[in-house]
């Protein structure tokens, strides 16, 4: 990940982020238009799928992660990664907003403003969500959630220190700060093996993903309810144990999950350190 204050990030924050329902959990279902998992997009110094002329490919790509939310896609409820290789500045002279091949852009230009990059911030059945530079990265992953570990030690879904920056609204308003306050990004994933997945109706798997709390609703166990490492993983495991014992999600008897399949779901988490040398 390129960590600078003059480039854009499409990531979880209070304003300008639509990648998640921000509030679902067991017994509190997703609403129409909400996603069951988080989504993120950022610039990174890695190779990607380059548009022609590929010889003009730069060392920068637009990278994105999402759990596909298009029920008509073979990738539905599977983890995808976008690796959109970007050309060097000036390599393409096209001025057509729909077909132009872009290099990395700097603020005030944003990822969401670039038409050919629309799938980096969308996830559904619309044309804006489709991009051939997405591929299935984790076919067994059906739920993805992330949060931030700040330099002050707090775990939060806001990518800056609110005690230090009480007036900050987004990463760029009123001041462009990038991820300067973020020590690491924590990621949790729910994984189901192919044999178990084949036993679970697709609609029930969606309900199960919806039952797994997002970071906003996972209860904190620290002082005054502060979030602690392991909180969300613990909450997910409690939900999975409940589903395994009842054989159904919180949606009721019409949303069946075989106990053996629910027991086979595994929860994994990892922190990705963003500290600069």
C-alpha atoms as a PDB file:
ATOM      1  CA  UNK A   1       0.000   0.000   0.000  1.00  0.00           C
ATOM      2  CA  UNK A   2       1.257   3.467  -0.919  1.00  0.00           C
ATOM      3  CA  UNK A   3       1.000   5.506   2.270  1.00  0.00           C
ATOM      4  CA  UNK A   4       0.900   9.195   1.387  1.00  0.00           C
ATOM      5  CA  UNK A   5      -1.299  12.137   2.276  1.00  0.00           C
ATOM      6  CA  UNK A   6      -1.704  13.236  -1.363  1.00  0.00           C
ATOM      7  CA  UNK A   7      -3.333  10.061  -2.724  1.00  0.00           C
ATOM      8  CA  UNK A   8      -6.863   8.750  -2.239  1.00  0.00           C
ATOM      9  CA  UNK A   9      -8.001   5.635  -0.372  1.00  0.00           C
ATOM     10  CA  UNK A  10     -11.404   4.021  -0.649  1.00  0.00           C
ATOM     11  CA  UNK A  11     -11.668   2.618   2.842  1.00  0.00           C
ATOM     12  CA  UNK A  12     -13.953   2.440   5.853  1.00  0.00           C
ATOM     13  CA  UNK A  13     -14.618   5.857   7.407  1.00  0.00           C
ATOM     14  CA  UNK A  14     -17.674   7.750   8.717  1.00  0.00           C
ATOM     15  CA  UNK A  15     -18.358   9.649   5.464  1.00  0.00           C
ATOM     16  CA  UNK A  16     -17.832   8.769   1.811  1.00  0.00           C
ATOM     17  CA  UNK A  17     -17.718   4.998   2.301  1.00  0.00           C
ATOM     18  CA  UNK A  18     -20.577   2.778   1.122  1.00  0.00           C
ATOM     19  CA  UNK A  19     -18.782  -0.559   1.211  1.00  0.00           C
ATOM     20  CA  UNK A  20     -20.702  -1.965   4.160  1.00  0.00           C
ATOM     21  CA  UNK A  21     -23.990  -1.857   6.042  1.00  0.00           C
ATOM     22  CA  UNK A  22     -22.213  -0.608   9.192  1.00  0.00           C
ATOM     23  CA  UNK A  23     -24.498  -2.075  11.809  1.00  0.00           C
ATOM     24  CA  UNK A  24     -25.697  -5.601  10.977  1.00  0.00           C
ATOM     25  CA  UNK A  25     -25.257  -8.669  13.151  1.00  0.00           C
ATOM     26  CA  UNK A  26     -27.125 -11.615  14.626  1.00  0.00           C
ATOM     27  CA  UNK A  27     -30.817 -10.751  14.565  1.00  0.00           C
ATOM     28  CA  UNK A  28     -30.141  -7.448  12.806  1.00  0.00           C
ATOM     29  CA  UNK A  29     -30.248  -8.177   9.106  1.00  0.00           C
ATOM     30  CA  UNK A  30     -28.767  -6.318   6.199  1.00  0.00           C
ATOM     31  CA  UNK A  31     -31.040  -3.821   4.534  1.00  0.00           C
ATOM     32  CA  UNK A  32     -31.638  -3.567   0.787  1.00  0.00           C
ATOM     33  CA  UNK A  33     -28.594  -2.107  -0.939  1.00  0.00           C
ATOM     34  CA  UNK A  34     -26.218  -2.845   1.933  1.00  0.00           C
ATOM     35  CA  UNK A  35     -23.217  -5.111   1.593  1.00  0.00           C
ATOM     36  CA  UNK A  36     -22.484  -7.924   4.006  1.00  0.00           C
ATOM     37  CA  UNK A  37     -18.706  -7.486   3.895  1.00  0.00           C
ATOM     38  CA  UNK A  38     -16.211  -4.648   3.759  1.00  0.00           C
ATOM     39  CA  UNK A  39     -14.559  -3.326   0.618  1.00  0.00           C
ATOM     40  CA  UNK A  40     -11.287  -1.463   0.171  1.00  0.00           C
ATOM     41  CA  UNK A  41      -9.247   0.011  -2.702  1.00  0.00           C
ATOM     42  CA  UNK A  42      -5.853   1.702  -2.685  1.00  0.00           C
ATOM     43  CA  UNK A  43      -2.744   2.287  -4.771  1.00  0.00           C
ATOM     44  CA  UNK A  44       0.092  -0.181  -4.343  1.00  0.00           C
ATOM     45  CA  UNK A  45       3.562  -0.698  -5.774  1.00  0.00           C
ATOM     46  CA  UNK A  46       2.872  -4.096  -7.340  1.00  0.00           C
ATOM     47  CA  UNK A  47       2.259  -5.346 -10.874  1.00  0.00           C
ATOM     48  CA  UNK A  48      -1.269  -5.758 -12.170  1.00  0.00           C
ATOM     49  CA  UNK A  49      -3.232  -6.475 -15.323  1.00  0.00           C
ATOM     50  CA  UNK A  50      -2.023  -3.777 -17.669  1.00  0.00           C
ATOM     51  CA  UNK A  51      -4.079  -2.311 -20.515  1.00  0.00           C
ATOM     52  CA  UNK A  52      -2.336  -1.859 -23.875  1.00  0.00           C
ATOM     53  CA  UNK A  53       0.315  -0.761 -24.441  1.00  0.00           C
ATOM     54  CA  UNK A  54       1.505  -3.140 -21.715  1.00  0.00           C
ATOM     55  CA  UNK A  55       5.068  -1.996 -22.368  1.00  0.00           C
ATOM     56  CA  UNK A  56       4.044   1.319 -20.781  1.00  0.00           C
ATOM     57  CA  UNK A  57       2.961  -0.363 -17.543  1.00  0.00           C
ATOM     58  CA  UNK A  58       4.160   1.414 -14.427  1.00  0.00           C
ATOM     59  CA  UNK A  59       5.152  -0.163 -11.111  1.00  0.00           C
ATOM     60  CA  UNK A  60       1.846   1.043  -9.589  1.00  0.00           C
ATOM     61  CA  UNK A  61      -1.507  -0.723  -9.527  1.00  0.00           C
ATOM     62  CA  UNK A  62      -4.947   0.019  -8.165  1.00  0.00           C
ATOM     63  CA  UNK A  63      -5.645  -2.838  -5.764  1.00  0.00           C
ATOM     64  CA  UNK A  64      -9.041  -3.673  -4.320  1.00  0.00           C
ATOM     65  CA  UNK A  65     -10.608  -6.392  -2.173  1.00  0.00           C
ATOM     66  CA  UNK A  66     -14.271  -7.354  -1.822  1.00  0.00           C
ATOM     67  CA  UNK A  67     -16.567 -10.324  -1.230  1.00  0.00           C
ATOM     68  CA  UNK A  68     -18.621 -10.444  -4.412  1.00  0.00           C
ATOM     69  CA  UNK A  69     -22.227  -9.357  -3.817  1.00  0.00           C
ATOM     70  CA  UNK A  70     -23.654 -10.162  -7.263  1.00  0.00           C
ATOM     71  CA  UNK A  71     -25.901 -13.185  -6.742  1.00  0.00           C
ATOM     72  CA  UNK A  72     -25.770 -13.935 -10.482  1.00  0.00           C
ATOM     73  CA  UNK A  73     -21.988 -14.217 -10.585  1.00  0.00           C
ATOM     74  CA  UNK A  74     -19.911 -17.413 -10.177  1.00  0.00           C
ATOM     75  CA  UNK A  75     -17.828 -15.343  -7.724  1.00  0.00           C
ATOM     76  CA  UNK A  76     -20.827 -14.627  -5.453  1.00  0.00           C
ATOM     77  CA  UNK A  77     -19.885 -14.696  -1.751  1.00  0.00           C
ATOM     78  CA  UNK A  78     -16.241 -15.305  -2.604  1.00  0.00           C
ATOM     79  CA  UNK A  79     -13.279 -13.036  -1.909  1.00  0.00           C
ATOM     80  CA  UNK A  80     -12.030 -11.154  -4.967  1.00  0.00           C
ATOM     81  CA  UNK A  81      -8.927  -9.062  -5.588  1.00  0.00           C
ATOM     82  CA  UNK A  82      -8.557  -6.332  -8.190  1.00  0.00           C
ATOM     83  CA  UNK A  83      -5.072  -5.779  -9.590  1.00  0.00           C
ATOM     84  CA  UNK A  84      -5.486  -3.001 -12.150  1.00  0.00           C
ATOM     85  CA  UNK A  85      -2.065  -2.166 -13.549  1.00  0.00           C
ATOM     86  CA  UNK A  86      -1.659   1.553 -14.252  1.00  0.00           C
ATOM     87  CA  UNK A  87       0.267   3.070 -17.125  1.00  0.00           C
ATOM     88  CA  UNK A  88       2.983   5.663 -16.759  1.00  0.00           C
ATOM     89  CA  UNK A  89       1.713   9.217 -16.900  1.00  0.00           C
ATOM     90  CA  UNK A  90       1.347  10.332 -20.530  1.00  0.00           C
ATOM     91  CA  UNK A  91       1.355   6.791 -21.966  1.00  0.00           C
ATOM     92  CA  UNK A  92      -2.260   7.153 -23.135  1.00  0.00           C
ATOM     93  CA  UNK A  93      -3.682  10.243 -24.811  1.00  0.00           C
ATOM     94  CA  UNK A  94      -7.312   9.107 -24.798  1.00  0.00           C
ATOM     95  CA  UNK A  95      -9.744  11.706 -23.473  1.00  0.00           C
ATOM     96  CA  UNK A  96     -12.815   9.427 -23.454  1.00  0.00           C
ATOM     97  CA  UNK A  97     -13.856   9.208 -19.793  1.00  0.00           C
ATOM     98  CA  UNK A  98     -15.137   5.640 -20.267  1.00  0.00           C
ATOM     99  CA  UNK A  99     -12.090   4.165 -22.015  1.00  0.00           C
ATOM    100  CA  UNK A 100      -9.136   6.330 -20.988  1.00  0.00           C
ATOM    101  CA  UNK A 101      -6.221   4.473 -19.382  1.00  0.00           C
ATOM    102  CA  UNK A 102      -5.149   6.331 -16.291  1.00  0.00           C
ATOM    103  CA  UNK A 103      -1.921   6.509 -14.334  1.00  0.00           C
ATOM    104  CA  UNK A 104      -1.922   6.954 -10.554  1.00  0.00           C
ATOM    105  CA  UNK A 105      -3.835  10.116  -9.665  1.00  0.00           C
ATOM    106  CA  UNK A 106      -3.197  12.551  -6.845  1.00  0.00           C
ATOM    107  CA  UNK A 107      -5.597  14.561  -4.738  1.00  0.00           C
ATOM    108  CA  UNK A 108      -7.911  16.321  -5.280  1.00  0.00           C
ATOM    109  CA  UNK A 109      -8.588  13.592  -7.868  1.00  0.00           C
ATOM    110  CA  UNK A 110     -10.156  10.533  -6.215  1.00  0.00           C
ATOM    111  CA  UNK A 111     -10.574   6.862  -7.027  1.00  0.00           C
ATOM    112  CA  UNK A 112     -14.362   7.228  -7.104  1.00  0.00           C
ATOM    113  CA  UNK A 113     -14.178   9.996  -9.711  1.00  0.00           C
ATOM    114  CA  UNK A 114     -12.438   7.824 -12.333  1.00  0.00           C
ATOM    115  CA  UNK A 115     -15.147   6.168 -14.450  1.00  0.00           C
ATOM    116  CA  UNK A 116     -13.140   3.080 -15.528  1.00  0.00           C
ATOM    117  CA  UNK A 117     -12.332   2.389 -11.867  1.00  0.00           C
ATOM    118  CA  UNK A 118     -15.970   2.272 -10.744  1.00  0.00           C
ATOM    119  CA  UNK A 119     -15.787  -1.399  -9.699  1.00  0.00           C
ATOM    120  CA  UNK A 120     -13.217  -0.450  -7.062  1.00  0.00           C
ATOM    121  CA  UNK A 121     -15.976   1.255  -5.054  1.00  0.00           C
ATOM    122  CA  UNK A 122     -19.062  -0.701  -6.177  1.00  0.00           C
ATOM    123  CA  UNK A 123     -20.150  -4.258  -5.501  1.00  0.00           C
ATOM    124  CA  UNK A 124     -23.367  -5.660  -6.898  1.00  0.00           C
ATOM    125  CA  UNK A 125     -25.088  -6.536 -10.155  1.00  0.00           C
ATOM    126  CA  UNK A 126     -24.752  -3.132 -11.803  1.00  0.00           C
ATOM    127  CA  UNK A 127     -22.402  -2.503 -14.726  1.00  0.00           C
ATOM    128  CA  UNK A 128     -20.396  -0.199 -12.465  1.00  0.00           C
ATOM    129  CA  UNK A 129     -19.476  -3.231 -10.336  1.00  0.00           C
ATOM    130  CA  UNK A 130     -18.056  -5.326 -13.162  1.00  0.00           C
ATOM    131  CA  UNK A 131     -14.351  -5.341 -14.030  1.00  0.00           C
ATOM    132  CA  UNK A 132     -12.273  -8.048 -15.680  1.00  0.00           C
ATOM    133  CA  UNK A 133      -9.323  -7.077 -13.478  1.00  0.00           C
ATOM    134  CA  UNK A 134     -11.074  -8.717 -10.518  1.00  0.00           C
ATOM    135  CA  UNK A 135     -10.271 -12.373  -9.913  1.00  0.00           C
ATOM    136  CA  UNK A 136     -11.268 -14.832  -7.208  1.00  0.00           C
ATOM    137  CA  UNK A 137      -8.564 -14.750  -4.556  1.00  0.00           C
ATOM    138  CA  UNK A 138     -10.269 -16.688  -1.762  1.00  0.00           C
ATOM    139  CA  UNK A 139     -12.953 -19.087  -3.063  1.00  0.00           C
ATOM    140  CA  UNK A 140     -13.618 -20.316   0.485  1.00  0.00           C
ATOM    141  CA  UNK A 141     -13.964 -16.843   2.078  1.00  0.00           C
ATOM    142  CA  UNK A 142     -17.593 -15.637   2.355  1.00  0.00           C
ATOM    143  CA  UNK A 143     -17.218 -12.862   4.937  1.00  0.00           C
ATOM    144  CA  UNK A 144     -14.617 -10.091   5.252  1.00  0.00           C
ATOM    145  CA  UNK A 145     -14.292  -7.388   7.890  1.00  0.00           C
ATOM    146  CA  UNK A 146     -11.485  -4.955   8.656  1.00  0.00           C
ATOM    147  CA  UNK A 147     -10.673  -2.254  11.182  1.00  0.00           C
ATOM    148  CA  UNK A 148      -7.771  -0.037  12.203  1.00  0.00           C
ATOM    149  CA  UNK A 149      -5.139  -0.250  14.916  1.00  0.00           C
ATOM    150  CA  UNK A 150      -4.071   3.322  15.633  1.00  0.00           C
ATOM    151  CA  UNK A 151      -0.686   4.440  16.925  1.00  0.00           C
ATOM    152  CA  UNK A 152      -2.331   5.186  20.283  1.00  0.00           C
ATOM    153  CA  UNK A 153      -3.290   1.505  20.606  1.00  0.00           C
ATOM    154  CA  UNK A 154      -7.028   1.933  19.977  1.00  0.00           C
ATOM    155  CA  UNK A 155      -8.983  -0.377  17.696  1.00  0.00           C
ATOM    156  CA  UNK A 156     -11.528   1.572  15.671  1.00  0.00           C
ATOM    157  CA  UNK A 157     -13.442   1.761  12.402  1.00  0.00           C
ATOM    158  CA  UNK A 158     -12.311   5.384  11.924  1.00  0.00           C
ATOM    159  CA  UNK A 159      -8.869   5.740  10.278  1.00  0.00           C
ATOM    160  CA  UNK A 160      -7.639   8.629  12.404  1.00  0.00           C
ATOM    161  CA  UNK A 161      -7.201   9.570  16.052  1.00  0.00           C
ATOM    162  CA  UNK A 162     -10.395  11.403  17.038  1.00  0.00           C
ATOM    163  CA  UNK A 163      -8.812  12.725  20.229  1.00  0.00           C
ATOM    164  CA  UNK A 164      -6.102  14.470  18.221  1.00  0.00           C
ATOM    165  CA  UNK A 165      -8.304  15.364  15.230  1.00  0.00           C
ATOM    166  CA  UNK A 166     -11.825  16.009  16.583  1.00  0.00           C
ATOM    167  CA  UNK A 167     -12.785  18.123  13.540  1.00  0.00           C
ATOM    168  CA  UNK A 168     -11.717  15.554  10.930  1.00  0.00           C
ATOM    169  CA  UNK A 169     -14.655  14.367   8.780  1.00  0.00           C
ATOM    170  CA  UNK A 170     -12.903  12.254   6.140  1.00  0.00           C
ATOM    171  CA  UNK A 171      -9.301  11.429   5.278  1.00  0.00           C
ATOM    172  CA  UNK A 172      -9.260  14.580   3.129  1.00  0.00           C
ATOM    173  CA  UNK A 173     -11.591  16.963   4.977  1.00  0.00           C
ATOM    174  CA  UNK A 174     -10.718  19.439   6.402  1.00  0.00           C
ATOM    175  CA  UNK A 175      -7.087  18.286   6.061  1.00  0.00           C
ATOM    176  CA  UNK A 176      -5.612  15.584   3.866  1.00  0.00           C
ATOM    177  CA  UNK A 177      -3.969  13.217   6.352  1.00  0.00           C
ATOM    178  CA  UNK A 178      -3.732   9.877   4.562  1.00  0.00           C
ATOM    179  CA  UNK A 179      -3.293   6.981   6.993  1.00  0.00           C
ATOM    180  CA  UNK A 180      -0.788   8.794   9.180  1.00  0.00           C
ATOM    181  CA  UNK A 181      -2.552   7.723  12.414  1.00  0.00           C
ATOM    182  CA  UNK A 182      -2.924   4.061  11.406  1.00  0.00           C
ATOM    183  CA  UNK A 183      -0.410   1.554  12.721  1.00  0.00           C
ATOM    184  CA  UNK A 184      -1.989  -1.518  11.115  1.00  0.00           C
ATOM    185  CA  UNK A 185      -5.158  -2.802   9.474  1.00  0.00           C
ATOM    186  CA  UNK A 186      -6.822  -5.766  11.154  1.00  0.00           C
ATOM    187  CA  UNK A 187      -8.705  -8.226   8.957  1.00  0.00           C
ATOM    188  CA  UNK A 188     -11.098 -11.030   9.898  1.00  0.00           C
ATOM    189  CA  UNK A 189     -12.379 -13.647   7.468  1.00  0.00           C
ATOM    190  CA  UNK A 190     -14.948 -16.424   7.729  1.00  0.00           C
ATOM    191  CA  UNK A 191     -14.001 -19.483   5.671  1.00  0.00           C
ATOM    192  CA  UNK A 192     -16.063 -22.518   4.705  1.00  0.00           C
ATOM    193  CA  UNK A 193     -14.653 -25.584   2.941  1.00  0.00           C
ATOM    194  CA  UNK A 194     -16.150 -26.690  -0.426  1.00  0.00           C
ATOM    195  CA  UNK A 195     -17.846 -29.803   0.955  1.00  0.00           C
ATOM    196  CA  UNK A 196     -19.587 -27.867   3.718  1.00  0.00           C
ATOM    197  CA  UNK A 197     -20.489 -25.007   1.396  1.00  0.00           C
ATOM    198  CA  UNK A 198     -22.237 -27.448  -0.954  1.00  0.00           C
ATOM    199  CA  UNK A 199     -24.608 -28.336   1.901  1.00  0.00           C
ATOM    200  CA  UNK A 200     -25.655 -24.742   2.583  1.00  0.00           C
ATOM    201  CA  UNK A 201     -28.230 -23.055   0.317  1.00  0.00           C
ATOM    202  CA  UNK A 202     -26.861 -19.843  -1.169  1.00  0.00           C
ATOM    203  CA  UNK A 203     -29.552 -17.739   0.515  1.00  0.00           C
ATOM    204  CA  UNK A 204     -28.693 -19.308   3.893  1.00  0.00           C
ATOM    205  CA  UNK A 205     -24.989 -18.598   3.398  1.00  0.00           C
ATOM    206  CA  UNK A 206     -25.877 -14.957   2.763  1.00  0.00           C
ATOM    207  CA  UNK A 207     -27.943 -14.937   5.970  1.00  0.00           C
ATOM    208  CA  UNK A 208     -25.037 -16.473   7.857  1.00  0.00           C
ATOM    209  CA  UNK A 209     -22.672 -13.783   6.570  1.00  0.00           C
ATOM    210  CA  UNK A 210     -25.238 -11.185   7.626  1.00  0.00           C
ATOM    211  CA  UNK A 211     -25.370 -12.672  11.138  1.00  0.00           C
ATOM    212  CA  UNK A 212     -21.620 -12.196  11.599  1.00  0.00           C
ATOM    213  CA  UNK A 213     -21.350  -8.767  13.220  1.00  0.00           C
ATOM    214  CA  UNK A 214     -19.522  -5.920  11.614  1.00  0.00           C
ATOM    215  CA  UNK A 215     -16.954  -4.041  13.667  1.00  0.00           C
ATOM    216  CA  UNK A 216     -19.437  -1.336  14.642  1.00  0.00           C
ATOM    217  CA  UNK A 217     -21.712  -3.780  16.463  1.00  0.00           C
ATOM    218  CA  UNK A 218     -19.178  -6.246  17.878  1.00  0.00           C
ATOM    219  CA  UNK A 219     -19.251  -5.578  21.642  1.00  0.00           C
ATOM    220  CA  UNK A 220     -16.082  -4.313  23.267  1.00  0.00           C
ATOM    221  CA  UNK A 221     -14.767  -6.158  26.313  1.00  0.00           C
ATOM    222  CA  UNK A 222     -12.181  -3.599  27.414  1.00  0.00           C
ATOM    223  CA  UNK A 223     -12.444  -0.749  29.893  1.00  0.00           C
ATOM    224  CA  UNK A 224     -15.712   1.143  29.290  1.00  0.00           C
ATOM    225  CA  UNK A 225     -16.509  -1.203  26.409  1.00  0.00           C
ATOM    226  CA  UNK A 226     -13.391  -0.335  24.430  1.00  0.00           C
ATOM    227  CA  UNK A 227     -12.614  -2.657  21.529  1.00  0.00           C
ATOM    228  CA  UNK A 228      -9.918  -5.223  22.182  1.00  0.00           C
ATOM    229  CA  UNK A 229      -8.044  -7.566  19.869  1.00  0.00           C
ATOM    230  CA  UNK A 230     -10.128 -10.698  19.429  1.00  0.00           C
ATOM    231  CA  UNK A 231     -13.526  -9.105  20.129  1.00  0.00           C
ATOM    232  CA  UNK A 232     -14.957  -9.545  16.647  1.00  0.00           C
ATOM    233  CA  UNK A 233     -13.499 -13.016  16.222  1.00  0.00           C
ATOM    234  CA  UNK A 234     -15.065 -14.032  19.551  1.00  0.00           C
ATOM    235  CA  UNK A 235     -18.446 -12.623  18.529  1.00  0.00           C
ATOM    236  CA  UNK A 236     -18.347 -14.473  15.222  1.00  0.00           C
ATOM    237  CA  UNK A 237     -17.527 -17.743  16.943  1.00  0.00           C
ATOM    238  CA  UNK A 238     -20.435 -17.254  19.357  1.00  0.00           C
ATOM    239  CA  UNK A 239     -22.779 -16.752  16.380  1.00  0.00           C
ATOM    240  CA  UNK A 240     -21.397 -19.829  14.608  1.00  0.00           C
ATOM    241  CA  UNK A 241     -21.871 -21.934  17.747  1.00  0.00           C
ATOM    242  CA  UNK A 242     -25.466 -20.716  17.978  1.00  0.00           C
ATOM    243  CA  UNK A 243     -26.166 -21.589  14.347  1.00  0.00           C
ATOM    244  CA  UNK A 244     -24.485 -24.976  14.769  1.00  0.00           C
ATOM    245  CA  UNK A 245     -26.710 -25.766  17.759  1.00  0.00           C
ATOM    246  CA  UNK A 246     -29.975 -24.591  16.155  1.00  0.00           C
ATOM    247  CA  UNK A 247     -29.333 -25.540  12.535  1.00  0.00           C
ATOM    248  CA  UNK A 248     -30.582 -22.182  11.311  1.00  0.00           C
ATOM    249  CA  UNK A 249     -29.593 -18.527  11.093  1.00  0.00           C
ATOM    250  CA  UNK A 250     -31.411 -15.716  12.879  1.00  0.00           C
ATOM    251  CA  UNK A 251     -33.755 -15.535   9.872  1.00  0.00           C
ATOM    252  CA  UNK A 252     -35.541 -18.610  11.183  1.00  0.00           C
ATOM    253  CA  UNK A 253     -36.531 -22.040   9.938  1.00  0.00           C
ATOM    254  CA  UNK A 254     -36.492 -20.975   6.297  1.00  0.00           C
ATOM    255  CA  UNK A 255     -32.752 -20.290   6.525  1.00  0.00           C
ATOM    256  CA  UNK A 256     -31.318 -23.693   7.327  1.00  0.00           C
ATOM    257  CA  UNK A 257     -27.624 -24.381   7.873  1.00  0.00           C
ATOM    258  CA  UNK A 258     -26.672 -27.995   8.629  1.00  0.00           C
ATOM    259  CA  UNK A 259     -24.968 -28.085  12.051  1.00  0.00           C
ATOM    260  CA  UNK A 260     -21.984 -29.937  10.571  1.00  0.00           C
ATOM    261  CA  UNK A 261     -21.512 -27.185   7.995  1.00  0.00           C
ATOM    262  CA  UNK A 262     -21.768 -24.401  10.586  1.00  0.00           C
ATOM    263  CA  UNK A 263     -19.270 -26.219  12.802  1.00  0.00           C
ATOM    264  CA  UNK A 264     -16.856 -26.421   9.875  1.00  0.00           C
ATOM    265  CA  UNK A 265     -16.702 -22.629   9.385  1.00  0.00           C
ATOM    266  CA  UNK A 266     -13.371 -21.222  10.506  1.00  0.00           C
ATOM    267  CA  UNK A 267     -12.567 -17.644  11.548  1.00  0.00           C
ATOM    268  CA  UNK A 268      -9.124 -16.225  10.802  1.00  0.00           C
ATOM    269  CA  UNK A 269      -7.650 -12.824  11.517  1.00  0.00           C
ATOM    270  CA  UNK A 270      -4.415 -11.000  10.801  1.00  0.00           C
ATOM    271  CA  UNK A 271      -2.932  -7.544  11.211  1.00  0.00           C
ATOM    272  CA  UNK A 272      -1.125  -5.860   8.315  1.00  0.00           C
ATOM    273  CA  UNK A 273       1.496  -3.411   9.559  1.00  0.00           C
ATOM    274  CA  UNK A 274       1.526  -0.062   7.735  1.00  0.00           C
ATOM    275  CA  UNK A 275       4.524   1.484   9.460  1.00  0.00           C
ATOM    276  CA  UNK A 276       6.913   3.221   7.117  1.00  0.00           C
ATOM    277  CA  UNK A 277      10.676   2.506   7.373  1.00  0.00           C
END
